[in-house]
Protein backbone atom coordinates (compact mmCIF):
# COMPACT_ATOMS: atom_id res chain seq x y z
CA UNK A 1 30.23 -138.16 13.08
CA UNK A 2 29.49 -141.46 14.85
CA UNK A 3 26.27 -143.30 14.05
CA UNK A 4 24.18 -144.51 16.93
CA UNK A 5 22.45 -147.87 16.83
CA UNK A 6 18.68 -147.77 16.74
CA UNK A 7 16.25 -150.47 17.71
CA UNK A 8 13.82 -151.88 15.18
CA UNK A 9 10.96 -149.98 16.83
CA UNK A 10 12.82 -146.69 16.48
CA UNK A 11 13.58 -147.42 12.83
CA UNK A 12 9.95 -148.25 12.14
CA UNK A 13 8.80 -145.12 13.94
CA UNK A 14 11.23 -142.90 12.08
CA UNK A 15 10.07 -144.24 8.71
CA UNK A 16 6.46 -143.62 9.59
CA UNK A 17 5.26 -147.16 9.06
CA UNK A 18 1.93 -147.61 10.81
CA UNK A 19 0.88 -151.21 11.31
CA UNK A 20 -2.14 -150.45 13.48
CA UNK A 21 -5.61 -150.89 12.07
CA UNK A 22 -7.96 -147.95 11.74
CA UNK A 23 -10.79 -150.17 13.03
CA UNK A 24 -11.57 -150.05 16.73
CA UNK A 25 -12.97 -152.91 18.77
CA UNK A 26 -16.36 -151.79 20.11
CA UNK A 27 -18.86 -154.23 21.64
CA UNK A 28 -21.55 -151.64 20.90
CA UNK A 29 -21.31 -152.74 17.25
CA UNK A 30 -22.34 -156.31 18.10
CA UNK A 31 -25.83 -157.60 17.34
CA UNK A 32 -27.54 -157.59 20.74
CA UNK A 33 -29.81 -160.55 19.90
CA UNK A 34 -26.77 -162.64 18.92
CA UNK A 35 -25.03 -161.70 22.17
CA UNK A 36 -28.13 -162.64 24.16
CA UNK A 37 -28.43 -166.00 22.42
CA UNK A 38 -24.73 -166.79 22.96
CA UNK A 39 -25.00 -165.91 26.66
CA UNK A 40 -28.16 -168.03 27.06
CA UNK A 41 -26.57 -170.99 25.24
CA UNK A 42 -23.51 -170.81 27.52
CA UNK A 43 -25.58 -170.46 30.70
CA UNK A 44 -27.83 -173.37 29.73
CA UNK A 45 -24.82 -175.71 29.82
CA UNK A 46 -23.40 -174.28 33.04
CA UNK A 47 -20.82 -172.30 31.08
CA UNK A 48 -20.12 -168.60 31.02
CA UNK A 49 -18.74 -165.89 28.76
CA UNK A 50 -16.55 -162.90 29.63
CA UNK A 51 -16.52 -159.99 27.20
CA UNK A 52 -13.71 -157.49 27.06
CA UNK A 53 -10.81 -156.19 25.00
CA UNK A 54 -7.17 -157.13 24.56
CA UNK A 55 -4.72 -155.27 26.79
CA UNK A 56 -4.00 -152.68 24.13
CA UNK A 57 -7.70 -152.32 23.33
CA UNK A 58 -7.09 -153.27 19.73
CA UNK A 59 -9.05 -156.54 19.69
CA UNK A 60 -12.16 -158.12 21.13
CA UNK A 61 -11.56 -160.69 23.86
CA UNK A 62 -14.05 -163.38 24.88
CA UNK A 63 -13.36 -165.64 27.82
CA UNK A 64 -15.01 -169.02 27.34
CA UNK A 65 -15.83 -171.13 30.39
CA UNK A 66 -17.47 -174.53 30.17
CA UNK A 67 -15.69 -176.01 27.15
CA UNK A 68 -12.90 -177.77 29.01
CA UNK A 69 -10.26 -175.49 30.50
CA UNK A 70 -11.18 -171.77 30.38
CA UNK A 71 -9.59 -169.88 27.52
CA UNK A 72 -9.79 -166.53 25.77
CA UNK A 73 -10.52 -166.01 22.08
CA UNK A 74 -9.39 -162.80 20.38
CA UNK A 75 -10.91 -161.20 17.32
CA UNK A 76 -9.54 -158.31 15.27
CA UNK A 77 -12.00 -155.47 14.66
CA UNK A 78 -11.64 -156.06 10.91
CA UNK A 79 -13.05 -159.61 11.28
CA UNK A 80 -16.79 -160.43 11.24
CA UNK A 81 -17.98 -159.93 14.83
CA UNK A 82 -21.48 -161.34 14.29
CA UNK A 83 -20.14 -164.55 12.75
CA UNK A 84 -17.73 -164.89 15.68
CA UNK A 85 -20.57 -164.55 18.21
CA UNK A 86 -22.75 -166.99 16.22
CA UNK A 87 -19.87 -169.50 16.30
CA UNK A 88 -19.69 -169.20 20.10
CA UNK A 89 -23.45 -169.77 20.31
CA UNK A 90 -23.11 -172.86 18.09
CA UNK A 91 -20.26 -174.17 20.28
CA UNK A 92 -22.47 -174.11 23.37
CA UNK A 93 -25.47 -175.50 21.49
CA UNK A 94 -23.29 -178.47 20.49
CA UNK A 95 -22.23 -178.90 24.13
CA UNK A 96 -25.90 -178.78 25.19
CA UNK A 97 -26.86 -181.36 22.57
CA UNK A 98 -24.08 -183.64 23.80
CA UNK A 99 -25.21 -183.25 27.40
CA UNK A 100 -28.81 -184.06 26.48
CA UNK A 101 -28.01 -187.02 24.23
CA UNK A 102 -29.14 -190.30 25.77
CA UNK A 103 -26.26 -192.45 26.88
CA UNK A 104 -25.93 -195.67 24.94
CA UNK A 105 -24.96 -198.98 26.39
CA UNK A 106 -26.68 -201.18 28.88
CA UNK A 107 -26.42 -200.30 32.53
CA UNK A 108 -26.27 -203.36 34.76
CA UNK A 109 -28.96 -203.47 37.42
CA UNK A 110 -27.96 -204.28 40.96
CA UNK A 111 -28.43 -207.96 41.90
CA UNK A 112 -31.98 -208.94 42.92
CA UNK A 113 -33.75 -206.43 40.68
């Protein structure tokens, strides 16, 4: 009897190895006050946030706009969601502080003034 070649995925499936987490990404689990503060901090600097899920729905996805080029951060459901949101708030608070910091250095006045 001839053996047929199987792909790695088929071998994994046939052995019953499950690498998926039992946790599910659900924005409903997030602290609403933290979300509100993160959104306000981003908006105050002219930035924005986009909340969603990874393509397979297995992770949180947050699009961050206003910190250089736009990018997306991903978070596994097993990681601390509230700490993640607080870190995003802190990022935009730092940006705001930088924007509001007085510029140092002397500005030359136009001649005759």
